[in-house]
Amino acid sequence: MKKDKSTSLAERIKFFDFYKDLPQDLAEPSVSGATGKFKQSQQTLVSMFVMGLMVALFISQTYQFMQYQKTSEIMIDVNQGNSKLNINLAIRMHKAPCHVLSLDIVDVTGVHVMDVGGKLHKHIIDKEGIYVEHHDTMEDSHEFKQTSQDVNDIVNEAIESMNNEEGCLVEGTVIINKVPGNFHLSTHAFGEVVQRLYMQGRRLDFSHTIQHLSFGNDTDMANIMQKYEEKYTFDLDGTSINQEQQIYNGQLLANYYLDINQIDFLDVTGFWSSVLEGYKYKSSQSIMSQMGLPAIFFRYELSPVKLRYTMSYKTWSEFFIEICAIIGGMFVVAGIMESLLRNSLSIFSSDNLKKK
């Protein structure tokens, strides 16, 4: 009974044999007789090895077929001058009061915007960085305050904030033209208030920490990092300047120079194509003292070329050709292995006959 089962199992294994023996009367006998003939069990072993390798390669190709392919190209950004760019920032001013801070934008097209509002906000924080109060001059317009409200009130508020060792967190998003320029934190929009403070012997401290600075759409950047596993590092994140330690006389003038590069991801893996824009930048900086008003400048240049990655899947024709190549290649491998084993056995048998 056991013999019948083992015989049945052997017959099933032989089903996977790629080699079919010729009839005995057509086979040419070798010198070595039975040992010279390539045995059925060895043929089956080669067949199963090749079949296993073929299945593994087939699974590998199927997996690659289901994954998107990433190709890259460098192209000129022809629409750069007519486009807009988001600046995402969070800058902590450790000792400068929000009442006299403004973020201004200047670019080569002649744009000069003072005390930018919109999605940019200022929050009063204590010396530990804990939120105290929301303070946005643009909500009421600093121009209105300086004309209709006694400037002395603003001066008194600023002095009170300085006495309490309060600082200011400037955070949000600013939209700029995609042309070279700069944006800067300064007191330029509050000239009369700052003049009164200086007359009272007050010195502004522009010690700061750049908690975050990036360019582009935050949603696009998050999708790129999550979907395409692209890593973004922001050079200036965590940069901190202490005015008392680095500037002994005069006022702080910090210049950050940014070289911005655009990296697009064109996704054509679905029914509709989509483009996600990402931006990386390299930075350098210089810190110096000046006799004028303190300021923190971010001077940026945009590269005229951009890198585009195209995400796509292999076509069915490519997949079919690769599968055919695997099948044909495996039969070639099987033939080489069969020939090597047959020759090895023949040499081994000849040596044994000579010894006898």
Protein backbone atom coordinates (compact mmCIF):
# COMPACT_ATOMS: atom_id res chain seq x y z
CA MET A 1 0.00 0.00 0.00
CA LYS A 2 2.81 2.40 0.94
CA LYS A 3 4.63 1.49 -2.25
CA ASP A 4 1.61 2.47 -4.35
CA LYS A 5 1.47 5.86 -2.65
CA SER A 6 5.18 6.55 -3.15
CA THR A 7 4.88 5.49 -6.79
CA SER A 8 1.93 7.83 -7.27
CA LEU A 9 3.89 10.75 -5.71
CA ALA A 10 6.86 10.08 -7.96
CA GLU A 11 4.61 10.12 -11.02
CA ARG A 12 3.18 13.47 -9.96
CA ILE A 13 6.66 14.96 -9.56
CA LYS A 14 7.63 13.65 -13.00
CA PHE A 15 4.72 15.69 -14.41
CA PHE A 16 6.86 18.84 -13.90
CA ASP A 17 9.79 17.38 -15.86
CA PHE A 18 10.71 19.54 -18.85
CA TYR A 19 12.64 16.69 -20.45
CA LYS A 20 10.98 13.75 -22.18
CA ASP A 21 13.08 10.61 -22.72
CA LEU A 22 13.38 9.24 -26.19
CA PRO A 23 12.18 5.66 -26.74
CA GLN A 24 14.80 3.12 -25.74
CA ASP A 25 15.23 1.85 -29.30
CA LEU A 26 15.99 5.40 -30.56
CA ALA A 27 18.41 6.39 -27.82
CA GLU A 28 22.11 6.03 -28.61
CA PRO A 29 23.80 4.01 -25.87
CA SER A 30 26.92 5.45 -24.30
CA VAL A 31 30.13 3.75 -23.27
CA SER A 32 29.20 3.91 -19.66
CA GLY A 33 25.85 2.26 -20.12
CA ALA A 34 23.21 3.10 -17.53
CA THR A 35 25.31 5.70 -15.77
CA GLY A 36 25.97 7.52 -19.01
CA LYS A 37 22.32 8.15 -19.51
CA PHE A 38 20.99 11.30 -17.87
CA LYS A 39 18.71 9.84 -15.26
CA GLN A 40 15.06 10.81 -14.99
CA SER A 41 15.40 11.84 -11.35
CA GLN A 42 18.18 14.29 -12.20
CA GLN A 43 16.14 15.72 -15.07
CA THR A 44 13.22 16.24 -12.73
CA LEU A 45 15.50 17.97 -10.21
CA VAL A 46 16.71 20.44 -12.85
CA SER A 47 13.15 20.99 -14.04
CA MET A 48 11.85 21.79 -10.55
CA PHE A 49 14.79 24.12 -9.83
CA VAL A 50 14.21 26.03 -13.07
CA MET A 51 10.47 26.17 -12.45
CA GLY A 52 11.01 27.55 -8.92
CA LEU A 53 13.36 30.20 -10.27
CA MET A 54 10.86 31.05 -12.98
CA VAL A 55 8.04 31.48 -10.46
CA ALA A 56 10.24 33.73 -8.30
CA LEU A 57 11.13 35.93 -11.27
CA PHE A 58 7.51 36.04 -12.34
CA ILE A 59 6.42 37.22 -8.88
CA SER A 60 9.19 39.82 -8.90
CA GLN A 61 8.16 41.17 -12.29
CA THR A 62 4.50 41.24 -11.26
CA TYR A 63 5.40 43.23 -8.13
CA GLN A 64 7.44 45.70 -10.20
CA PHE A 65 4.57 45.98 -12.68
CA MET A 66 2.26 47.04 -9.85
CA GLN A 67 4.73 49.67 -8.59
CA TYR A 68 5.12 53.07 -10.23
CA GLN A 69 8.24 53.83 -12.21
CA LYS A 70 10.17 57.04 -11.49
CA THR A 71 11.90 58.91 -14.33
CA SER A 72 13.50 62.35 -14.12
CA GLU A 73 14.15 65.25 -16.45
CA ILE A 74 15.50 68.79 -16.13
CA MET A 75 13.47 71.55 -17.73
CA ILE A 76 13.34 75.34 -17.96
CA ASP A 77 10.71 77.00 -15.77
CA VAL A 78 9.19 79.17 -18.51
CA ASN A 79 6.33 80.45 -16.33
CA GLN A 80 8.46 81.45 -13.36
CA GLY A 81 7.96 85.22 -13.68
CA ASN A 82 4.16 84.88 -13.93
CA SER A 83 3.69 82.54 -10.96
CA LYS A 84 3.26 82.93 -7.23
CA LEU A 85 5.08 81.14 -4.42
CA ASN A 86 4.10 80.49 -0.81
CA ILE A 87 6.49 81.18 2.03
CA ASN A 88 5.70 79.18 5.18
CA LEU A 89 7.40 80.56 8.26
CA ALA A 90 7.44 80.54 12.03
CA ILE A 91 9.97 82.93 13.58
CA ARG A 92 10.21 83.50 17.29
CA MET A 93 11.43 86.94 18.35
CA HIS A 94 12.59 86.40 21.92
CA LYS A 95 12.51 90.00 23.17
CA ALA A 96 11.12 92.23 20.42
CA PRO A 97 7.49 93.31 21.03
CA CYS A 98 4.88 92.55 18.38
CA HIS A 99 3.76 96.19 18.50
CA VAL A 100 6.76 97.36 16.44
CA LEU A 101 7.39 94.35 14.20
CA SER A 102 6.43 94.14 10.55
CA LEU A 103 7.23 91.71 7.76
CA ASP A 104 7.95 93.50 4.48
CA ILE A 105 8.36 92.15 0.94
CA VAL A 106 10.55 93.61 -1.82
CA ASP A 107 11.32 92.08 -5.23
CA VAL A 108 12.98 93.00 -8.53
CA THR A 109 9.65 93.87 -10.19
CA GLY A 110 9.28 96.88 -7.91
CA VAL A 111 6.90 95.32 -5.39
CA HIS A 112 7.31 96.74 -1.88
CA VAL A 113 4.71 95.67 0.67
CA MET A 114 5.03 96.75 4.31
CA ASP A 115 3.53 94.91 7.28
CA VAL A 116 2.10 91.98 5.35
CA GLY A 117 -1.14 90.60 6.76
CA GLY A 118 -3.52 87.99 5.38
CA LYS A 119 -2.43 84.54 6.52
CA LEU A 120 0.51 85.92 8.50
CA HIS A 121 -0.12 86.38 12.22
CA LYS A 122 1.69 87.74 15.25
CA HIS A 123 1.29 86.29 18.74
CA ILE A 124 2.61 87.79 21.96
CA ILE A 125 4.57 85.17 23.91
CA ASP A 126 6.32 85.19 27.27
CA LYS A 127 10.02 84.55 27.79
CA GLU A 128 9.35 80.80 27.91
CA GLY A 129 7.66 80.93 24.50
CA ILE A 130 4.16 80.35 25.91
CA TYR A 131 1.27 82.06 24.10
CA VAL A 132 -0.03 85.18 25.85
CA GLU A 133 -2.14 87.10 23.38
CA HIS A 134 -3.00 87.34 19.69
CA HIS A 135 -1.71 90.57 18.14
CA ASP A 136 -2.26 91.39 14.47
CA THR A 137 -1.80 95.02 13.52
CA MET A 138 -3.24 94.36 10.08
CA GLU A 139 -6.61 93.50 11.59
CA ASP A 140 -7.08 97.12 12.58
CA SER A 141 -4.48 98.51 10.16
CA HIS A 142 -1.33 99.97 11.67
CA GLU A 143 -1.84 103.04 9.48
CA PHE A 144 -5.15 103.74 11.22
CA LYS A 145 -3.56 103.35 14.64
CA GLN A 146 -0.74 105.70 13.86
CA THR A 147 -2.99 108.43 12.59
CA SER A 148 -6.17 108.20 14.66
CA GLN A 149 -4.86 106.73 17.90
CA ASP A 150 -2.30 108.44 20.06
CA VAL A 151 1.12 107.00 19.23
CA ASN A 152 1.95 107.26 22.91
CA ASP A 153 -0.47 104.39 23.60
CA ILE A 154 1.46 102.11 21.22
CA VAL A 155 4.72 103.22 22.79
CA ASN A 156 3.40 102.44 26.27
CA GLU A 157 2.16 99.01 25.16
CA ALA A 158 5.55 98.23 23.63
CA ILE A 159 7.38 99.35 26.79
CA GLU A 160 5.07 97.26 28.96
CA SER A 161 5.74 94.23 26.75
CA MET A 162 9.51 94.82 26.98
CA ASN A 163 9.34 95.19 30.77
CA ASN A 164 7.48 91.87 30.97
CA GLU A 165 10.21 90.28 28.82
CA GLU A 166 7.61 89.28 26.26
CA GLY A 167 8.46 88.32 22.72
CA CYS A 168 6.60 87.74 19.48
CA LEU A 169 5.89 84.69 17.35
CA VAL A 170 5.47 85.57 13.68
CA GLU A 171 3.94 82.66 11.80
CA GLY A 172 1.82 81.86 8.79
CA THR A 173 2.02 82.00 5.01
CA VAL A 174 3.10 84.82 2.72
CA ILE A 175 2.56 84.83 -1.05
CA ILE A 176 5.30 86.31 -3.24
CA ASN A 177 6.09 86.57 -6.94
CA LYS A 178 8.45 83.88 -8.24
CA VAL A 179 11.20 86.39 -8.92
CA PRO A 180 14.34 87.29 -6.94
CA GLY A 181 13.76 89.50 -3.93
CA ASN A 182 13.69 89.53 -0.17
CA PHE A 183 11.34 89.53 2.78
CA HIS A 184 12.43 90.93 6.10
CA LEU A 185 11.36 91.42 9.68
CA SER A 186 11.95 95.01 10.73
CA THR A 187 10.43 98.08 12.38
CA HIS A 188 10.11 100.04 9.12
CA ALA A 189 6.31 100.28 9.33
CA PHE A 190 6.46 101.81 12.82
CA GLY A 191 9.07 104.52 12.41
CA GLU A 192 7.52 107.07 14.77
CA VAL A 193 6.90 104.50 17.50
CA VAL A 194 10.50 103.24 17.32
CA GLN A 195 11.79 106.83 17.39
CA ARG A 196 9.88 107.47 20.63
CA LEU A 197 11.31 104.27 22.12
CA TYR A 198 14.86 105.31 21.27
CA MET A 199 14.25 108.73 22.79
CA GLN A 200 13.32 106.99 26.03
CA GLY A 201 16.55 104.98 25.98
CA ARG A 202 15.00 101.73 24.81
CA ARG A 203 17.10 99.38 22.64
CA LEU A 204 15.38 96.75 20.55
CA ASP A 205 16.70 93.21 20.83
CA PHE A 206 16.24 91.17 17.66
CA SER A 207 17.39 87.83 19.09
CA HIS A 208 15.43 85.18 17.23
CA THR A 209 14.92 81.52 16.43
CA ILE A 210 13.73 80.30 13.04
CA GLN A 211 11.40 77.49 14.01
CA HIS A 212 10.37 76.77 10.44
CA LEU A 213 10.96 78.15 6.96
CA SER A 214 9.85 76.42 3.76
CA PHE A 215 8.49 77.27 0.32
CA GLY A 216 5.54 75.95 -1.63
CA ASN A 217 2.17 74.51 -0.73
CA ASP A 218 2.23 72.66 2.60
CA THR A 219 -0.35 70.13 1.39
CA ASP A 220 1.66 69.30 -1.74
CA MET A 221 4.83 68.90 0.30
CA ALA A 222 3.10 66.56 2.77
CA ASN A 223 1.67 64.45 -0.08
CA ILE A 224 5.07 64.21 -1.78
CA MET A 225 6.76 63.03 1.42
CA GLN A 226 4.01 60.53 2.21
CA LYS A 227 3.18 59.15 -1.23
CA TYR A 228 6.58 59.23 -2.93
CA GLU A 229 8.77 58.96 0.18
CA GLU A 230 10.73 62.05 -0.82
CA LYS A 231 12.65 63.53 2.09
CA TYR A 232 12.76 67.27 2.64
CA THR A 233 15.07 69.01 5.05
CA PHE A 234 14.87 72.73 5.69
CA ASP A 235 18.29 74.25 6.28
CA LEU A 236 17.27 77.12 8.54
CA ASP A 237 14.90 75.25 10.85
CA GLY A 238 16.24 75.57 14.39
CA THR A 239 18.68 78.42 13.58
CA SER A 240 19.01 80.72 16.57
CA ILE A 241 20.74 84.11 16.96
CA ASN A 242 21.39 85.76 20.33
CA GLN A 243 21.94 89.48 19.84
CA GLU A 244 23.56 90.10 23.24
CA GLN A 245 26.18 87.42 22.63
CA GLN A 246 26.96 88.25 19.00
CA ILE A 247 26.42 92.03 18.75
CA TYR A 248 28.16 94.27 21.27
CA ASN A 249 27.45 97.67 19.72
CA GLY A 250 24.76 98.93 17.40
CA GLN A 251 21.79 96.96 16.11
CA LEU A 252 21.48 93.47 14.67
CA LEU A 253 21.46 93.02 10.91
CA ALA A 254 20.98 89.38 9.94
CA ASN A 255 21.15 88.33 6.29
CA TYR A 256 20.05 84.87 5.19
CA TYR A 257 20.77 83.99 1.55
CA LEU A 258 18.53 81.34 0.02
CA ASP A 259 18.96 79.43 -3.24
CA ILE A 260 15.58 77.87 -4.05
CA ASN A 261 15.12 74.89 -6.38
CA GLN A 262 11.79 73.55 -7.61
CA ILE A 263 11.11 69.80 -7.81
CA ASP A 264 7.86 68.68 -9.48
CA PHE A 265 6.19 65.28 -9.31
CA LEU A 266 4.03 64.48 -12.35
CA ASP A 267 1.74 61.56 -11.51
CA VAL A 268 0.21 59.75 -14.51
CA THR A 269 -0.62 56.52 -12.68
CA GLY A 270 -4.35 57.25 -12.52
CA PHE A 271 -7.08 58.27 -14.96
CA TRP A 272 -6.08 61.93 -14.51
CA SER A 273 -2.57 63.32 -14.34
CA SER A 274 -1.61 65.63 -11.49
CA VAL A 275 1.42 67.74 -10.63
CA LEU A 276 2.69 68.30 -7.10
CA GLU A 277 5.23 71.08 -6.57
CA GLY A 278 7.99 70.80 -4.01
CA TYR A 279 10.80 73.20 -3.13
CA LYS A 280 14.20 72.71 -1.56
CA TYR A 281 16.66 75.41 -0.67
CA LYS A 282 20.25 75.88 0.42
CA SER A 283 21.20 78.71 2.72
CA SER A 284 24.09 80.78 3.99
CA GLN A 285 24.09 83.64 6.47
CA SER A 286 25.94 86.68 7.72
CA ILE A 287 25.45 88.45 11.05
CA MET A 288 26.67 91.99 11.59
CA SER A 289 25.96 95.15 13.54
CA GLN A 290 24.75 98.47 12.14
CA MET A 291 23.90 101.90 13.46
CA GLY A 292 20.44 102.00 11.89
CA LEU A 293 17.30 100.02 12.69
CA PRO A 294 17.56 96.27 13.39
CA ALA A 295 16.35 93.89 10.70
CA ILE A 296 16.36 90.24 9.64
CA PHE A 297 16.60 89.80 5.86
CA PHE A 298 15.85 86.69 3.85
CA ARG A 299 17.28 87.26 0.38
CA TYR A 300 16.21 84.61 -2.11
CA GLU A 301 17.11 83.55 -5.65
CA LEU A 302 15.11 81.04 -7.69
CA SER A 303 16.78 78.62 -10.06
CA PRO A 304 15.61 79.06 -13.69
CA VAL A 305 15.57 75.28 -14.17
CA LYS A 306 13.52 72.72 -12.29
CA LEU A 307 13.67 68.98 -11.81
CA ARG A 308 10.59 66.97 -12.75
CA TYR A 309 9.93 63.38 -11.73
CA THR A 310 7.33 61.47 -13.73
CA MET A 311 5.56 58.66 -11.90
CA SER A 312 4.05 56.01 -14.19
CA TYR A 313 3.29 52.31 -14.44
CA LYS A 314 4.73 49.82 -16.95
CA THR A 315 2.49 49.04 -19.92
CA TRP A 316 0.98 45.60 -20.45
CA SER A 317 3.13 45.10 -23.54
CA GLU A 318 6.31 45.72 -21.51
CA PHE A 319 5.10 43.28 -18.86
CA PHE A 320 4.30 40.61 -21.49
CA ILE A 321 7.72 40.99 -23.16
CA GLU A 322 9.49 40.61 -19.81
CA ILE A 323 7.49 37.46 -18.97
CA CYS A 324 8.36 35.96 -22.36
CA ALA A 325 12.02 36.83 -21.77
CA ILE A 326 11.89 35.03 -18.42
CA ILE A 327 10.35 31.90 -19.92
CA GLY A 328 12.84 31.80 -22.81
CA GLY A 329 15.77 32.52 -20.51
CA MET A 330 14.79 29.76 -18.11
CA PHE A 331 14.72 27.18 -20.91
CA VAL A 332 18.22 28.29 -21.91
CA VAL A 333 19.37 27.96 -18.28
CA ALA A 334 17.76 24.53 -18.06
CA GLY A 335 19.59 23.41 -21.20
CA ILE A 336 22.94 24.65 -19.87
CA MET A 337 22.42 22.93 -16.51
CA GLU A 338 21.37 19.68 -18.21
CA SER A 339 24.44 19.79 -20.43
CA LEU A 340 26.79 20.47 -17.50
CA LEU A 341 25.33 17.65 -15.42
CA ARG A 342 25.37 15.21 -18.32
CA ASN A 343 29.02 16.00 -19.13
CA SER A 344 30.02 15.78 -15.48
CA LEU A 345 28.41 12.36 -15.12
CA SER A 346 30.03 11.20 -18.35
CA ILE A 347 33.50 12.25 -17.18
CA PHE A 348 32.91 10.67 -13.77
CA SER A 349 31.80 7.39 -15.37
CA SER A 350 34.80 7.31 -17.73
CA ASP A 351 37.21 7.79 -14.81
CA ASN A 352 35.61 4.91 -12.94
CA LEU A 353 35.90 2.60 -15.97
CA LYS A 354 39.59 3.44 -16.41
CA LYS A 355 40.29 2.62 -12.75
CA LYS A 356 38.62 -0.75 -13.18
